[in-house]
């Protein structure tokens, strides 16, 4: 999650996403982390922070269409307290 984002964002900042090998595999792995919300690793519970790390990575990679947006929004809302 977080490490993937840092690597993808760094390549994007340098204008070097073209050197990313295994882009399709990365997109598939990131997309498969969605279990309502996103989990950081296989078998872990989803966590709201991974919606940022993984969602942002997919956006940078131009693959945001793999996200089930409704499920993600519903999960993030379920993480909020009634006070904000």
PDB file of N, CA and C in Angstrom:
ATOM      1  N   UNK A   1       0.803  -1.198   0.000  1.00  0.00           N
ATOM      2  CA  UNK A   1       0.000   0.000   0.000  1.00  0.00           C
ATOM      3  C   UNK A   1       0.842   1.255   0.000  1.00  0.00           C
ATOM      4  N   UNK A   2       1.386   1.598   1.158  1.00  0.00           N
ATOM      5  CA  UNK A   2       2.146   2.840   1.288  1.00  0.00           C
ATOM      6  C   UNK A   2       3.437   2.833   0.493  1.00  0.00           C
ATOM      7  N   UNK A   3       4.150   1.719   0.529  1.00  0.00           N
ATOM      8  CA  UNK A   3       5.409   1.622  -0.237  1.00  0.00           C
ATOM      9  C   UNK A   3       5.132   1.664  -1.731  1.00  0.00           C
ATOM     10  N   UNK A   4       4.061   1.013  -2.150  1.00  0.00           N
ATOM     11  CA  UNK A   4       3.688   1.047  -3.581  1.00  0.00           C
ATOM     12  C   UNK A   4       3.390   2.471  -4.005  1.00  0.00           C
ATOM     13  N   UNK A   5       2.638   3.193  -3.169  1.00  0.00           N
ATOM     14  CA  UNK A   5       2.315   4.587  -3.495  1.00  0.00           C
ATOM     15  C   UNK A   5       3.594   5.414  -3.613  1.00  0.00           C
ATOM     16  N   UNK A   6       4.483   5.285  -2.648  1.00  0.00           N
ATOM     17  CA  UNK A   6       5.713   6.091  -2.680  1.00  0.00           C
ATOM     18  C   UNK A   6       6.513   5.830  -3.948  1.00  0.00           C
ATOM     19  N   UNK A   7       6.611   4.574  -4.350  1.00  0.00           N
ATOM     20  CA  UNK A   7       7.363   4.231  -5.560  1.00  0.00           C
ATOM     21  C   UNK A   7       6.676   4.774  -6.811  1.00  0.00           C
ATOM     22  N   UNK A   8       5.365   4.559  -6.906  1.00  0.00           N
ATOM     23  CA  UNK A   8       4.615   5.013  -8.083  1.00  0.00           C
ATOM     24  C   UNK A   8       4.618   6.540  -8.157  1.00  0.00           C
ATOM     25  N   UNK A   9       4.398   7.196  -7.026  1.00  0.00           N
ATOM     26  CA  UNK A   9       4.367   8.666  -7.006  1.00  0.00           C
ATOM     27  C   UNK A   9       5.741   9.250  -7.351  1.00  0.00           C
ATOM     28  N   UNK A  10       6.805   8.629  -6.848  1.00  0.00           N
ATOM     29  CA  UNK A  10       8.153   9.114  -7.161  1.00  0.00           C
ATOM     30  C   UNK A  10       8.430   9.006  -8.656  1.00  0.00           C
ATOM     31  N   UNK A  11       8.069   7.873  -9.251  1.00  0.00           N
ATOM     32  CA  UNK A  11       8.251   7.725 -10.697  1.00  0.00           C
ATOM     33  C   UNK A  11       7.425   8.756 -11.460  1.00  0.00           C
ATOM     34  N   UNK A  12       6.211   8.987 -11.012  1.00  0.00           N
ATOM     35  CA  UNK A  12       5.350   9.972 -11.677  1.00  0.00           C
ATOM     36  C   UNK A  12       5.939  11.375 -11.560  1.00  0.00           C
ATOM     37  N   UNK A  13       6.459  11.719 -10.389  1.00  0.00           N
ATOM     38  CA  UNK A  13       7.062  13.048 -10.191  1.00  0.00           C
ATOM     39  C   UNK A  13       8.277  13.256 -11.098  1.00  0.00           C
ATOM     40  N   UNK A  14       8.973  12.174 -11.375  1.00  0.00           N
ATOM     41  CA  UNK A  14      10.144  12.261 -12.246  1.00  0.00           C
ATOM     42  C   UNK A  14       9.772  12.097 -13.715  1.00  0.00           C
ATOM     43  N   UNK A  15       8.480  11.887 -13.993  1.00  0.00           N
ATOM     44  CA  UNK A  15       8.056  11.664 -15.366  1.00  0.00           C
ATOM     45  C   UNK A  15       8.572  10.346 -15.921  1.00  0.00           C
ATOM     46  N   UNK A  16       8.707   9.340 -15.060  1.00  0.00           N
ATOM     47  CA  UNK A  16       9.324   8.074 -15.463  1.00  0.00           C
ATOM     48  C   UNK A  16       8.439   6.862 -15.246  1.00  0.00           C
ATOM     49  N   UNK A  17       7.123   7.042 -15.257  1.00  0.00           N
ATOM     50  CA  UNK A  17       6.244   5.880 -15.131  1.00  0.00           C
ATOM     51  C   UNK A  17       6.494   4.860 -16.237  1.00  0.00           C
ATOM     52  N   UNK A  18       7.092   5.318 -17.330  1.00  0.00           N
ATOM     53  CA  UNK A  18       7.363   4.422 -18.452  1.00  0.00           C
ATOM     54  C   UNK A  18       8.370   3.326 -18.114  1.00  0.00           C
ATOM     55  N   UNK A  19       9.164   3.512 -17.060  1.00  0.00           N
ATOM     56  CA  UNK A  19      10.155   2.489 -16.698  1.00  0.00           C
ATOM     57  C   UNK A  19       9.589   1.450 -15.724  1.00  0.00           C
ATOM     58  N   UNK A  20       8.344   1.636 -15.317  1.00  0.00           N
ATOM     59  CA  UNK A  20       7.717   0.707 -14.382  1.00  0.00           C
ATOM     60  C   UNK A  20       7.450  -0.620 -15.072  1.00  0.00           C
ATOM     61  N   UNK A  21       8.128  -1.650 -14.615  1.00  0.00           N
ATOM     62  CA  UNK A  21       7.925  -2.989 -15.171  1.00  0.00           C
ATOM     63  C   UNK A  21       6.834  -3.681 -14.369  1.00  0.00           C
ATOM     64  N   UNK A  22       6.001  -4.456 -15.030  1.00  0.00           N
ATOM     65  CA  UNK A  22       4.947  -5.172 -14.340  1.00  0.00           C
ATOM     66  C   UNK A  22       3.776  -4.295 -13.937  1.00  0.00           C
ATOM     67  N   UNK A  23       3.543  -3.208 -14.691  1.00  0.00           N
ATOM     68  CA  UNK A  23       2.456  -2.293 -14.361  1.00  0.00           C
ATOM     69  C   UNK A  23       1.125  -3.020 -14.236  1.00  0.00           C
ATOM     70  N   UNK A  24       0.813  -3.879 -15.200  1.00  0.00           N
ATOM     71  CA  UNK A  24      -0.466  -4.591 -15.171  1.00  0.00           C
ATOM     72  C   UNK A  24      -0.575  -5.504 -13.954  1.00  0.00           C
ATOM     73  N   UNK A  25       0.522  -6.137 -13.588  1.00  0.00           N
ATOM     74  CA  UNK A  25       0.522  -6.983 -12.386  1.00  0.00           C
ATOM     75  C   UNK A  25       0.313  -6.137 -11.132  1.00  0.00           C
ATOM     76  N   UNK A  26       0.945  -4.963 -11.090  1.00  0.00           N
ATOM     77  CA  UNK A  26       0.778  -4.064  -9.947  1.00  0.00           C
ATOM     78  C   UNK A  26      -0.669  -3.599  -9.846  1.00  0.00           C
ATOM     79  N   UNK A  27      -1.253  -3.193 -10.972  1.00  0.00           N
ATOM     80  CA  UNK A  27      -2.649  -2.761 -10.974  1.00  0.00           C
ATOM     81  C   UNK A  27      -3.547  -3.900 -10.480  1.00  0.00           C
ATOM     82  N   UNK A  28      -3.292  -5.103 -10.940  1.00  0.00           N
ATOM     83  CA  UNK A  28      -4.097  -6.250 -10.511  1.00  0.00           C
ATOM     84  C   UNK A  28      -3.941  -6.484  -9.008  1.00  0.00           C
ATOM     85  N   UNK A  29      -2.713  -6.440  -8.511  1.00  0.00           N
ATOM     86  CA  UNK A  29      -2.472  -6.653  -7.086  1.00  0.00           C
ATOM     87  C   UNK A  29      -3.164  -5.576  -6.261  1.00  0.00           C
ATOM     88  N   UNK A  30      -3.009  -4.315  -6.675  1.00  0.00           N
ATOM     89  CA  UNK A  30      -3.646  -3.216  -5.950  1.00  0.00           C
ATOM     90  C   UNK A  30      -5.162  -3.356  -5.975  1.00  0.00           C
ATOM     91  N   UNK A  31      -5.714  -3.670  -7.133  1.00  0.00           N
ATOM     92  CA  UNK A  31      -7.160  -3.827  -7.255  1.00  0.00           C
ATOM     93  C   UNK A  31      -7.700  -4.946  -6.388  1.00  0.00           C
ATOM     94  N   UNK A  32      -6.922  -6.011  -6.245  1.00  0.00           N
ATOM     95  CA  UNK A  32      -7.359  -7.140  -5.424  1.00  0.00           C
ATOM     96  C   UNK A  32      -7.256  -6.865  -3.926  1.00  0.00           C
ATOM     97  N   UNK A  33      -6.711  -5.735  -3.537  1.00  0.00           N
ATOM     98  CA  UNK A  33      -6.664  -5.369  -2.122  1.00  0.00           C
ATOM     99  C   UNK A  33      -7.998  -4.795  -1.664  1.00  0.00           C
ATOM    100  N   UNK A  34      -8.924  -4.556  -2.586  1.00  0.00           N
ATOM    101  CA  UNK A  34     -10.212  -4.016  -2.181  1.00  0.00           C
ATOM    102  C   UNK A  34     -11.133  -5.128  -1.702  1.00  0.00           C
ATOM    103  N   UNK A  35     -11.521  -5.012  -0.452  1.00  0.00           N
ATOM    104  CA  UNK A  35     -12.477  -5.932   0.167  1.00  0.00           C
ATOM    105  C   UNK A  35     -13.537  -5.079   0.869  1.00  0.00           C
ATOM    106  N   UNK A  36     -14.227  -4.257   0.097  1.00  0.00           N
ATOM    107  CA  UNK A  36     -15.067  -3.176   0.626  1.00  0.00           C
ATOM    108  C   UNK A  36     -14.165  -1.967   0.685  1.00  0.00           C
ATOM    109  N   UNK A  37     -13.410  -1.840   1.797  1.00  0.00           N
ATOM    110  CA  UNK A  37     -12.298  -0.899   1.858  1.00  0.00           C
ATOM    111  C   UNK A  37     -11.064  -1.608   1.320  1.00  0.00           C
ATOM    112  N   UNK A  38      -9.916  -0.991   1.498  1.00  0.00           N
ATOM    113  CA  UNK A  38      -8.679  -1.597   1.013  1.00  0.00           C
ATOM    114  C   UNK A  38      -7.861  -2.145   2.167  1.00  0.00           C
ATOM    115  N   UNK A  39      -7.234  -3.280   1.934  1.00  0.00           N
ATOM    116  CA  UNK A  39      -6.321  -3.885   2.900  1.00  0.00           C
ATOM    117  C   UNK A  39      -4.894  -3.671   2.415  1.00  0.00           C
ATOM    118  N   UNK A  40      -3.966  -3.585   3.349  1.00  0.00           N
ATOM    119  CA  UNK A  40      -2.577  -3.381   2.984  1.00  0.00           C
ATOM    120  C   UNK A  40      -1.897  -4.628   2.467  1.00  0.00           C
ATOM    121  N   UNK A  41      -2.278  -5.771   3.020  1.00  0.00           N
ATOM    122  CA  UNK A  41      -1.703  -7.047   2.612  1.00  0.00           C
ATOM    123  C   UNK A  41      -2.808  -8.094   2.606  1.00  0.00           C
ATOM    124  N   UNK A  42      -2.558  -9.153   1.892  1.00  0.00           N
ATOM    125  CA  UNK A  42      -3.504 -10.258   1.823  1.00  0.00           C
ATOM    126  C   UNK A  42      -3.790 -10.761   3.240  1.00  0.00           C
ATOM    127  N   UNK A  43      -5.068 -10.956   3.528  1.00  0.00           N
ATOM    128  CA  UNK A  43      -5.464 -11.503   4.819  1.00  0.00           C
ATOM    129  C   UNK A  43      -5.611 -10.479   5.929  1.00  0.00           C
ATOM    130  N   UNK A  44      -5.262  -9.220   5.697  1.00  0.00           N
ATOM    131  CA  UNK A  44      -5.399  -8.177   6.716  1.00  0.00           C
ATOM    132  C   UNK A  44      -6.774  -7.540   6.590  1.00  0.00           C
ATOM    133  N   UNK A  45      -7.247  -6.966   7.682  1.00  0.00           N
ATOM    134  CA  UNK A  45      -8.508  -6.228   7.646  1.00  0.00           C
ATOM    135  C   UNK A  45      -8.332  -4.954   6.825  1.00  0.00           C
ATOM    136  N   UNK A  46      -9.409  -4.485   6.189  1.00  0.00           N
ATOM    137  CA  UNK A  46      -9.304  -3.209   5.476  1.00  0.00           C
ATOM    138  C   UNK A  46      -9.085  -2.073   6.470  1.00  0.00           C
ATOM    139  N   UNK A  47      -8.461  -1.026   6.000  1.00  0.00           N
ATOM    140  CA  UNK A  47      -8.153   0.127   6.831  1.00  0.00           C
ATOM    141  C   UNK A  47      -8.348   1.374   5.974  1.00  0.00           C
ATOM    142  N   UNK A  48      -8.894   2.416   6.569  1.00  0.00           N
ATOM    143  CA  UNK A  48      -9.209   3.622   5.790  1.00  0.00           C
ATOM    144  C   UNK A  48      -7.971   4.251   5.147  1.00  0.00           C
ATOM    145  N   UNK A  49      -6.807   4.132   5.769  1.00  0.00           N
ATOM    146  CA  UNK A  49      -5.613   4.761   5.187  1.00  0.00           C
ATOM    147  C   UNK A  49      -5.252   4.139   3.839  1.00  0.00           C
ATOM    148  N   UNK A  50      -5.559   2.847   3.679  1.00  0.00           N
ATOM    149  CA  UNK A  50      -5.221   2.202   2.414  1.00  0.00           C
ATOM    150  C   UNK A  50      -6.102   2.668   1.265  1.00  0.00           C
ATOM    151  N   UNK A  51      -7.250   3.246   1.592  1.00  0.00           N
ATOM    152  CA  UNK A  51      -8.064   3.849   0.533  1.00  0.00           C
ATOM    153  C   UNK A  51      -7.283   4.985  -0.116  1.00  0.00           C
ATOM    154  N   UNK A  52      -6.491   5.679   0.682  1.00  0.00           N
ATOM    155  CA  UNK A  52      -5.636   6.742   0.140  1.00  0.00           C
ATOM    156  C   UNK A  52      -4.452   6.144  -0.616  1.00  0.00           C
ATOM    157  N   UNK A  53      -3.672   5.320   0.047  1.00  0.00           N
ATOM    158  CA  UNK A  53      -2.438   4.793  -0.559  1.00  0.00           C
ATOM    159  C   UNK A  53      -2.718   4.029  -1.849  1.00  0.00           C
ATOM    160  N   UNK A  54      -3.660   3.112  -1.783  1.00  0.00           N
ATOM    161  CA  UNK A  54      -3.928   2.269  -2.947  1.00  0.00           C
ATOM    162  C   UNK A  54      -4.760   3.005  -3.979  1.00  0.00           C
ATOM    163  N   UNK A  55      -5.773   3.749  -3.513  1.00  0.00           N
ATOM    164  CA  UNK A  55      -6.574   4.533  -4.451  1.00  0.00           C
ATOM    165  C   UNK A  55      -5.740   5.544  -5.220  1.00  0.00           C
ATOM    166  N   UNK A  56      -4.832   6.202  -4.536  1.00  0.00           N
ATOM    167  CA  UNK A  56      -3.954   7.187  -5.193  1.00  0.00           C
ATOM    168  C   UNK A  56      -3.000   6.512  -6.173  1.00  0.00           C
ATOM    169  N   UNK A  57      -2.486   5.369  -5.789  1.00  0.00           N
ATOM    170  CA  UNK A  57      -1.599   4.626  -6.698  1.00  0.00           C
ATOM    171  C   UNK A  57      -2.338   4.265  -7.980  1.00  0.00           C
ATOM    172  N   UNK A  58      -3.553   3.766  -7.838  1.00  0.00           N
ATOM    173  CA  UNK A  58      -4.342   3.398  -9.021  1.00  0.00           C
ATOM    174  C   UNK A  58      -4.665   4.619  -9.870  1.00  0.00           C
ATOM    175  N   UNK A  59      -4.939   5.741  -9.225  1.00  0.00           N
ATOM    176  CA  UNK A  59      -5.223   6.981  -9.970  1.00  0.00           C
ATOM    177  C   UNK A  59      -3.988   7.410 -10.766  1.00  0.00           C
ATOM    178  N   UNK A  60      -2.833   7.407 -10.132  1.00  0.00           N
ATOM    179  CA  UNK A  60      -1.592   7.795 -10.815  1.00  0.00           C
ATOM    180  C   UNK A  60      -1.324   6.873 -11.997  1.00  0.00           C
ATOM    181  N   UNK A  61      -1.614   5.599 -11.815  1.00  0.00           N
ATOM    182  CA  UNK A  61      -1.388   4.612 -12.877  1.00  0.00           C
ATOM    183  C   UNK A  61      -2.470   4.649 -13.952  1.00  0.00           C
ATOM    184  N   UNK A  62      -3.462   5.512 -13.773  1.00  0.00           N
ATOM    185  CA  UNK A  62      -4.548   5.612 -14.754  1.00  0.00           C
ATOM    186  C   UNK A  62      -5.454   4.402 -14.734  1.00  0.00           C
ATOM    187  N   UNK A  63      -5.587   3.776 -13.570  1.00  0.00           N
ATOM    188  CA  UNK A  63      -6.366   2.544 -13.471  1.00  0.00           C
ATOM    189  C   UNK A  63      -7.446   2.642 -12.396  1.00  0.00           C
ATOM    190  N   UNK A  64      -7.928   3.844 -12.147  1.00  0.00           N
ATOM    191  CA  UNK A  64      -8.930   4.021 -11.090  1.00  0.00           C
ATOM    192  C   UNK A  64     -10.237   3.283 -11.378  1.00  0.00           C
ATOM    193  N   UNK A  65     -10.429   2.864 -12.633  1.00  0.00           N
ATOM    194  CA  UNK A  65     -11.674   2.168 -12.989  1.00  0.00           C
ATOM    195  C   UNK A  65     -11.787   0.804 -12.317  1.00  0.00           C
ATOM    196  N   UNK A  66     -10.703   0.284 -11.765  1.00  0.00           N
ATOM    197  CA  UNK A  66     -10.788  -1.017 -11.091  1.00  0.00           C
ATOM    198  C   UNK A  66     -11.373  -0.893  -9.685  1.00  0.00           C
ATOM    199  N   UNK A  67     -11.523   0.339  -9.200  1.00  0.00           N
ATOM    200  CA  UNK A  67     -12.051   0.564  -7.855  1.00  0.00           C
ATOM    201  C   UNK A  67     -13.570   0.517  -7.865  1.00  0.00           C
ATOM    202  N   UNK A  68     -14.142  -0.226  -6.932  1.00  0.00           N
ATOM    203  CA  UNK A  68     -15.577  -0.187  -6.702  1.00  0.00           C
ATOM    204  C   UNK A  68     -15.800   1.023  -5.796  1.00  0.00           C
ATOM    205  N   UNK A  69     -16.139   2.148  -6.424  1.00  0.00           N
ATOM    206  CA  UNK A  69     -16.215   3.410  -5.691  1.00  0.00           C
ATOM    207  C   UNK A  69     -17.271   3.386  -4.593  1.00  0.00           C
ATOM    208  N   UNK A  70     -18.417   2.804  -4.872  1.00  0.00           N
ATOM    209  CA  UNK A  70     -19.480   2.772  -3.858  1.00  0.00           C
ATOM    210  C   UNK A  70     -19.021   1.998  -2.631  1.00  0.00           C
ATOM    211  N   UNK A  71     -18.401   0.847  -2.836  1.00  0.00           N
ATOM    212  CA  UNK A  71     -17.914   0.046  -1.710  1.00  0.00           C
ATOM    213  C   UNK A  71     -16.856   0.816  -0.921  1.00  0.00           C
ATOM    214  N   UNK A  72     -15.999   1.528  -1.624  1.00  0.00           N
ATOM    215  CA  UNK A  72     -14.945   2.298  -0.966  1.00  0.00           C
ATOM    216  C   UNK A  72     -15.546   3.434  -0.138  1.00  0.00           C
ATOM    217  N   UNK A  73     -16.471   4.179  -0.729  1.00  0.00           N
ATOM    218  CA  UNK A  73     -17.130   5.279  -0.015  1.00  0.00           C
ATOM    219  C   UNK A  73     -17.884   4.748   1.195  1.00  0.00           C
ATOM    220  N   UNK A  74     -18.621   3.664   1.016  1.00  0.00           N
ATOM    221  CA  UNK A  74     -19.364   3.083   2.137  1.00  0.00           C
ATOM    222  C   UNK A  74     -18.425   2.674   3.266  1.00  0.00           C
ATOM    223  N   UNK A  75     -17.280   2.076   2.920  1.00  0.00           N
ATOM    224  CA  UNK A  75     -16.319   1.669   3.945  1.00  0.00           C
ATOM    225  C   UNK A  75     -15.766   2.886   4.676  1.00  0.00           C
ATOM    226  N   UNK A  76     -15.356   3.918   3.946  1.00  0.00           N
ATOM    227  CA  UNK A  76     -14.791   5.113   4.587  1.00  0.00           C
ATOM    228  C   UNK A  76     -15.819   5.755   5.509  1.00  0.00           C
ATOM    229  N   UNK A  77     -17.053   5.829   5.046  1.00  0.00           N
ATOM    230  CA  UNK A  77     -18.106   6.397   5.905  1.00  0.00           C
ATOM    231  C   UNK A  77     -18.309   5.565   7.170  1.00  0.00           C
ATOM    232  N   UNK A  78     -18.154   4.258   7.053  1.00  0.00           N
ATOM    233  CA  UNK A  78     -18.331   3.394   8.229  1.00  0.00           C
ATOM    234  C   UNK A  78     -17.206   3.606   9.236  1.00  0.00           C
ATOM    235  N   UNK A  79     -16.097   4.193   8.818  1.00  0.00           N
ATOM    236  CA  UNK A  79     -14.973   4.449   9.714  1.00  0.00           C
ATOM    237  C   UNK A  79     -15.138   5.739  10.504  1.00  0.00           C
ATOM    238  N   UNK A  80     -16.016   6.606  10.060  1.00  0.00           N
ATOM    239  CA  UNK A  80     -16.209   7.892  10.727  1.00  0.00           C
ATOM    240  C   UNK A  80     -17.026   7.732  11.992  1.00  0.00           C
ATOM    241  N   UNK A  81     -16.683   8.529  12.967  1.00  0.00           N
ATOM    242  CA  UNK A  81     -17.539   8.593  14.150  1.00  0.00           C
ATOM    243  C   UNK A  81     -18.664   9.574  13.840  1.00  0.00           C
ATOM    244  N   UNK A  82     -19.669   9.590  14.642  1.00  0.00           N
ATOM    245  CA  UNK A  82     -20.771  10.528  14.377  1.00  0.00           C
ATOM    246  C   UNK A  82     -20.350  11.969  14.616  1.00  0.00           C
ATOM    247  N   UNK A  83     -19.155  12.160  15.169  1.00  0.00           N
ATOM    248  CA  UNK A  83     -18.657  13.512  15.448  1.00  0.00           C
ATOM    249  C   UNK A  83     -17.708  14.025  14.374  1.00  0.00           C
ATOM    250  N   UNK A  84     -17.493  13.205  13.316  1.00  0.00           N
ATOM    251  CA  UNK A  84     -16.646  13.686  12.229  1.00  0.00           C
ATOM    252  C   UNK A  84     -15.530  12.771  11.867  1.00  0.00           C
TER     253      UNK A  84
END
